[in-house]
Protein backbone atom coordinates (compact mmCIF):
# COMPACT_ATOMS: atom_id res chain seq x y z
CA MET A 1 10.87 -3.30 38.65
CA LYS A 2 11.91 -2.66 35.05
CA ASN A 3 10.46 -4.75 32.26
CA ASP A 4 13.72 -6.53 31.52
CA GLU A 5 13.85 -7.64 35.17
CA VAL A 6 10.44 -9.36 35.04
CA LYS A 7 10.77 -13.12 35.10
CA ASP A 8 9.92 -14.68 31.73
CA PHE A 9 9.46 -11.31 30.02
CA ARG A 10 8.24 -11.82 26.47
CA SER A 11 8.75 -9.77 23.33
CA GLY A 12 8.28 -10.17 19.63
CA TYR A 13 7.01 -8.85 16.32
CA VAL A 14 3.46 -9.14 15.00
CA SER A 15 2.44 -8.38 11.42
CA ILE A 16 -1.06 -7.21 10.51
CA ILE A 17 -2.00 -8.18 6.95
CA GLY A 18 -5.15 -8.30 4.86
CA ARG A 19 -6.89 -6.82 1.87
CA PRO A 20 -7.09 -3.03 1.59
CA ASN A 21 -9.57 -1.26 3.88
CA VAL A 22 -10.39 -4.17 6.20
CA GLY A 23 -9.43 -2.11 9.26
CA LYS A 24 -5.75 -2.86 9.87
CA SER A 25 -4.78 0.71 10.74
CA THR A 26 -7.87 1.14 12.93
CA LEU A 27 -6.89 -2.02 14.81
CA LEU A 28 -3.35 -0.76 15.41
CA ASN A 29 -4.60 2.61 16.65
CA SER A 30 -7.10 0.84 18.94
CA ILE A 31 -4.46 -1.46 20.44
CA LEU A 32 -2.09 1.41 21.13
CA GLY A 33 -4.70 3.88 22.32
CA GLU A 34 -3.11 6.49 20.06
CA LYS A 35 -3.55 7.40 16.41
CA ILE A 36 -0.32 6.57 14.59
CA ALA A 37 -1.68 5.19 11.32
CA ILE A 38 -3.68 7.00 8.67
CA VAL A 39 -7.34 5.98 8.59
CA THR A 40 -9.77 6.89 5.78
CA PRO A 41 -12.73 5.13 4.17
CA LYS A 42 -10.67 4.78 0.99
CA PRO A 43 -8.68 1.57 0.31
CA GLN A 44 -4.89 1.37 0.17
CA THR A 45 -4.27 4.38 2.40
CA THR A 46 -1.32 2.78 4.22
CA ARG A 47 1.76 2.96 1.97
CA ASN A 48 4.62 2.19 4.35
CA LYS A 49 5.20 -0.26 7.16
CA ILE A 50 3.99 1.48 10.31
CA MET A 51 5.49 0.15 13.52
CA GLY A 52 3.48 0.38 16.74
CA ILE A 53 4.79 -0.67 20.15
CA LYS A 54 2.61 -2.02 22.97
CA THR A 55 4.50 -2.39 26.23
CA LEU A 56 2.89 -4.45 29.00
CA PRO A 57 4.20 -5.20 32.51
CA ASP A 58 5.50 -8.57 31.30
CA ALA A 59 5.80 -8.18 27.52
CA GLN A 60 6.52 -5.88 24.62
CA ILE A 61 4.62 -6.42 21.37
CA ILE A 62 5.88 -4.69 18.25
CA PHE A 63 3.14 -4.44 15.63
CA ILE A 64 3.79 -3.88 11.94
CA ASP A 65 0.82 -2.48 10.02
CA THR A 66 1.40 -3.15 6.33
CA PRO A 67 -0.13 -1.83 3.11
CA GLY A 68 -3.13 -3.84 1.91
CA ILE A 69 -2.22 -6.70 -0.43
CA HIS A 70 -3.72 -6.03 -3.86
CA ARG A 71 -2.95 -6.33 -7.58
CA PRO A 72 -0.53 -3.45 -8.27
CA ARG A 73 -1.06 -1.12 -11.23
CA HIS A 74 2.02 1.11 -10.87
CA LYS A 75 5.44 1.16 -9.20
CA LEU A 76 3.99 2.63 -6.00
CA GLY A 77 1.56 -0.31 -5.85
CA GLU A 78 4.37 -2.78 -6.44
CA THR A 79 6.34 -1.22 -3.59
CA MET A 80 3.32 -1.40 -1.28
CA VAL A 81 2.69 -5.09 -2.00
CA ARG A 82 6.38 -5.99 -1.68
CA THR A 83 6.46 -4.25 1.71
CA ALA A 84 3.47 -6.27 2.89
CA LEU A 85 4.91 -9.61 1.75
CA GLU A 86 8.34 -8.94 3.28
CA ALA A 87 6.67 -8.50 6.66
CA LEU A 88 5.50 -12.14 6.63
CA ASN A 89 9.04 -13.40 7.08
CA GLU A 90 10.05 -11.00 9.85
CA VAL A 91 7.59 -11.77 12.63
CA ASP A 92 6.62 -14.11 15.46
CA VAL A 93 2.86 -13.91 14.81
CA ILE A 94 0.80 -12.96 11.75
CA LEU A 95 -2.64 -11.40 12.14
CA PHE A 96 -4.70 -11.97 8.99
CA MET A 97 -7.61 -9.54 9.13
CA VAL A 98 -10.79 -10.03 7.13
CA GLU A 99 -14.26 -8.52 7.01
CA PRO A 100 -17.26 -10.54 8.27
CA TYR A 101 -18.12 -12.09 4.93
CA GLU A 102 -17.36 -15.31 3.09
CA PRO A 103 -13.77 -15.40 1.75
CA GLY A 104 -13.42 -13.72 -1.63
CA LYS A 105 -10.70 -13.93 -4.27
CA GLY A 106 -8.48 -11.46 -2.45
CA ASP A 107 -8.71 -13.36 0.84
CA ARG A 108 -8.00 -16.66 -0.89
CA ALA A 109 -4.95 -15.20 -2.65
CA ILE A 110 -3.51 -14.06 0.68
CA ILE A 111 -4.21 -17.47 2.23
CA ASP A 112 -2.19 -19.05 -0.61
CA LEU A 113 0.72 -16.78 0.38
CA LEU A 114 0.33 -17.74 4.03
CA LYS A 115 0.83 -21.40 3.15
CA ARG A 116 4.50 -20.55 2.49
CA VAL A 117 5.25 -19.07 5.92
CA GLN A 118 6.23 -20.75 9.18
CA SER A 119 4.92 -18.16 11.65
CA PRO A 120 1.66 -18.88 13.50
CA VAL A 121 -1.31 -17.15 11.84
CA PHE A 122 -4.35 -15.77 13.66
CA LEU A 123 -7.55 -15.06 11.77
CA LEU A 124 -9.13 -11.77 12.88
CA ILE A 125 -12.70 -11.29 11.74
CA ASN A 126 -13.17 -7.53 12.01
CA LYS A 127 -16.31 -5.36 11.98
CA ILE A 128 -18.37 -7.91 13.91
CA ASP A 129 -20.57 -5.02 15.06
CA ILE A 130 -22.20 -4.90 11.61
CA VAL A 131 -23.37 -8.56 11.43
CA LYS A 132 -25.35 -11.05 13.50
CA LYS A 133 -23.42 -13.38 15.82
CA SER A 134 -24.90 -16.40 14.04
CA ASP A 135 -23.37 -15.17 10.77
CA ILE A 136 -19.91 -15.03 12.35
CA LEU A 137 -19.99 -18.77 13.06
CA LEU A 138 -20.68 -19.50 9.39
CA ILE A 139 -17.82 -17.22 8.33
CA ILE A 140 -15.46 -19.00 10.73
CA ASP A 141 -16.40 -22.36 9.18
CA HIS A 142 -15.65 -21.06 5.69
CA PHE A 143 -12.18 -19.82 6.65
CA LYS A 144 -11.32 -22.88 8.76
CA GLY A 145 -11.71 -24.99 5.66
CA LEU A 146 -9.05 -22.99 3.83
CA TYR A 147 -6.20 -22.77 6.36
CA PRO A 148 -5.23 -24.21 9.77
CA PHE A 149 -5.30 -20.95 11.73
CA LYS A 150 -3.74 -21.16 15.19
CA GLU A 151 -6.39 -18.83 16.61
CA ILE A 152 -9.61 -17.30 15.32
CA ILE A 153 -10.69 -14.11 17.08
CA PRO A 154 -13.71 -11.97 16.13
CA VAL A 155 -13.11 -8.27 16.85
CA SER A 156 -14.49 -4.81 16.25
CA ALA A 157 -11.44 -2.58 15.96
CA ILE A 158 -13.49 0.61 15.89
CA LYS A 159 -15.44 -0.35 19.06
CA GLN A 160 -12.45 -2.07 20.74
CA ASP A 161 -14.42 -5.30 21.13
CA GLY A 162 -12.16 -8.33 21.49
CA ILE A 163 -8.96 -6.26 21.70
CA SER A 164 -8.05 -7.35 25.26
CA LEU A 165 -8.47 -11.03 24.31
CA LEU A 166 -6.34 -10.49 21.22
CA ILE A 167 -3.50 -8.91 23.20
CA LYS A 168 -3.59 -11.70 25.79
CA THR A 169 -3.53 -14.39 23.09
CA ILE A 170 -0.63 -12.76 21.24
CA HIS A 171 1.26 -12.56 24.56
CA ASP A 172 0.99 -16.33 24.98
CA TYR A 173 2.62 -16.94 21.58
CA LEU A 174 5.60 -14.62 22.04
CA PRO A 175 9.05 -15.98 22.88
CA SER A 176 11.02 -14.87 25.91
CA GLY A 177 12.97 -11.75 25.09
CA PRO A 178 14.12 -8.27 26.13
CA THR A 179 12.48 -4.87 25.74
CA TYR A 180 13.52 -3.59 22.33
CA TYR A 181 12.18 -0.07 22.83
CA PRO A 182 11.70 2.35 25.75
CA ASP A 183 8.49 1.80 27.74
CA ASP A 184 6.95 5.13 26.71
CA LEU A 185 7.59 4.78 22.97
CA ILE A 186 4.56 3.76 20.88
CA THR A 187 5.96 4.13 17.34
CA ASP A 188 9.28 4.26 15.54
CA GLN A 189 7.97 6.75 12.99
CA MET A 190 9.70 10.11 12.80
CA GLU A 191 7.66 13.23 13.53
CA ARG A 192 8.04 14.53 9.98
CA PHE A 193 6.62 11.33 8.53
CA MET A 194 3.68 11.50 10.93
CA VAL A 195 3.02 15.11 9.92
CA SER A 196 3.04 14.21 6.21
CA GLU A 197 0.60 11.35 6.86
CA ILE A 198 -1.81 13.62 8.77
CA ILE A 199 -1.88 16.08 5.86
CA ARG A 200 -2.38 13.27 3.33
CA GLU A 201 -5.25 11.87 5.39
CA LYS A 202 -7.04 15.23 5.52
CA ALA A 203 -6.57 15.78 1.79
CA MET A 204 -8.06 12.37 0.97
CA ASP A 205 -10.95 12.75 3.42
CA MET A 206 -11.98 16.22 2.31
CA THR A 207 -11.84 15.58 -1.43
CA GLU A 208 -13.98 12.45 -0.98
CA GLU A 209 -14.25 10.54 -4.28
CA GLU A 210 -12.90 13.39 -6.39
CA LEU A 211 -9.26 12.52 -5.86
CA PRO A 212 -7.68 9.07 -6.35
CA HIS A 213 -4.54 7.84 -4.62
CA SER A 214 -2.34 10.26 -6.50
CA VAL A 215 -1.55 12.41 -3.47
CA ALA A 216 1.82 12.47 -1.73
CA VAL A 217 3.09 14.88 0.91
CA GLU A 218 6.67 16.02 1.45
CA VAL A 219 7.84 18.02 4.46
CA ALA A 220 10.00 20.65 2.78
CA GLY A 221 10.75 22.87 5.78
CA TRP A 222 10.77 22.50 9.58
CA LYS A 223 11.90 25.32 11.87
CA GLU A 224 11.53 25.39 15.66
CA ARG A 225 11.38 28.91 17.06
CA GLU A 226 12.58 30.04 20.48
CA ASP A 227 9.01 30.62 21.67
CA GLY A 228 8.21 26.92 21.02
CA LEU A 229 6.20 27.40 17.84
CA ILE A 230 7.15 25.07 14.96
CA SER A 231 6.94 26.44 11.43
CA ILE A 232 6.31 23.63 8.91
CA SER A 233 6.21 23.91 5.12
CA CYS A 234 4.88 20.99 3.05
CA ASN A 235 4.49 20.17 -0.63
CA ILE A 236 1.39 18.25 -1.68
CA TYR A 237 2.11 16.39 -4.92
CA VAL A 238 -0.57 15.36 -7.43
CA GLU A 239 -0.31 14.02 -10.97
CA ARG A 240 -2.55 16.38 -12.96
CA GLU A 241 -3.50 20.06 -13.06
CA GLY A 242 -7.15 19.12 -12.52
CA GLN A 243 -6.24 17.37 -9.25
CA LYS A 244 -4.29 20.44 -8.16
CA ALA A 245 -7.39 22.57 -8.74
CA ILE A 246 -9.48 20.18 -6.62
CA ILE A 247 -7.10 20.38 -3.64
CA ILE A 248 -6.76 24.16 -3.83
CA GLY A 249 -10.51 24.65 -4.29
CA LYS A 250 -12.38 27.83 -5.11
CA ARG A 251 -10.29 30.80 -3.95
CA GLY A 252 -8.09 28.39 -1.98
CA ALA A 253 -10.94 27.28 0.30
CA MET A 254 -10.23 23.54 0.12
CA LEU A 255 -6.51 23.92 0.79
CA LYS A 256 -7.28 26.19 3.73
CA SER A 257 -9.68 23.59 5.17
CA ILE A 258 -7.12 20.80 4.73
CA GLY A 259 -4.48 22.90 6.46
CA SER A 260 -6.74 23.89 9.36
CA ALA A 261 -7.83 20.32 10.06
CA ALA A 262 -4.29 18.99 9.73
CA ARG A 263 -2.86 21.65 12.04
CA VAL A 264 -5.19 20.58 14.87
CA ASP A 265 -3.91 16.98 14.72
CA ILE A 266 -0.29 18.05 14.22
CA GLU A 267 -0.41 20.29 17.30
CA LYS A 268 -1.74 17.33 19.31
CA LEU A 269 1.08 15.15 17.96
CA LEU A 270 3.84 17.68 18.66
CA ASN A 271 2.25 19.17 21.79
CA THR A 272 2.98 22.71 20.66
CA LYS A 273 1.64 25.47 18.45
CA VAL A 274 2.28 25.03 14.72
CA PHE A 275 2.39 27.38 11.75
CA LEU A 276 1.57 25.23 8.70
CA GLU A 277 2.17 26.29 5.13
CA LEU A 278 0.97 24.07 2.25
CA TRP A 279 1.92 24.19 -1.42
CA VAL A 280 0.32 22.08 -4.17
CA LYS A 281 2.58 20.91 -7.01
CA VAL A 282 2.01 18.76 -10.09
CA LYS A 283 4.44 15.87 -10.64
CA LYS A 284 3.13 13.96 -13.63
CA ASN A 285 3.03 10.19 -13.18
CA TRP A 286 4.92 10.43 -9.85
CA ARG A 287 3.72 6.99 -8.76
CA ASN A 288 5.93 5.49 -11.49
CA ASP A 289 8.90 7.78 -10.79
CA LYS A 290 11.37 5.58 -8.90
CA GLN A 291 13.59 8.49 -7.81
CA LEU A 292 10.70 10.52 -6.42
CA LEU A 293 9.23 7.45 -4.72
CA ASN A 294 12.56 6.98 -2.93
CA GLU A 295 12.68 10.66 -1.95
CA LEU A 296 9.17 10.39 -0.51
CA GLY A 297 10.14 7.33 1.53
CA TYR A 298 8.44 4.62 -0.57
CA LYS A 299 11.42 2.30 -0.87
């Protein structure tokens, strides 16, 4: 029986919001069982809305992972925050994710924004594996005093604790509706975007604290050969010559390591052999260049 033939089939959109680096992308990857969103220890790594699709026998849940809400310092930051706020008015359920601590200024600012929306809001207390259970109860009390959350669910996205309960609870809040996407589709992101995100993730991970969020990746060439191999050429943009030197590394060692690590994940994504060529280019102040931001997909 197809999903659209199931009696009372449910479907809807769910937005995941929260401060930078609280675990939103990790949660989405955990729910889907596949890595579709960039995950690094650095904040503000998600720059676009990433759509993930969870299809159940009697429901289809479309998740939107948004950039972390923060005080923007450049046009890229403004675009990221605007993207996150727009998602609040497009969904059936909002998941507000926090870390297992008392609400700070950033959490309170987001709660003030939530007071303007009509959609039901769940509070997700993530990373419960790093605190005592007794502490979680105190945290719940603090947040309950700030907003009338429809549901409060403690989870550990990285350990998949509480994920099944979360999915079941979301299901109960969804309206009746059709399947919007094919059963086997888990994201609406194009392959080229996914490839650029994999490369950006590796660059950020391997340069550790040496490189700020001034890295962007553009897929400049994509050629599929008859033998199945895909030849991909990408430009890595940074803002200063010093940053370019960091990514290239001594005798090109860092760039080679980034490319090798990225190629492994890209071949898993595309399920074929890949020849990957990386170029590092300086685009001064690109995060404030509206035309380049549009070309890179940050609209």
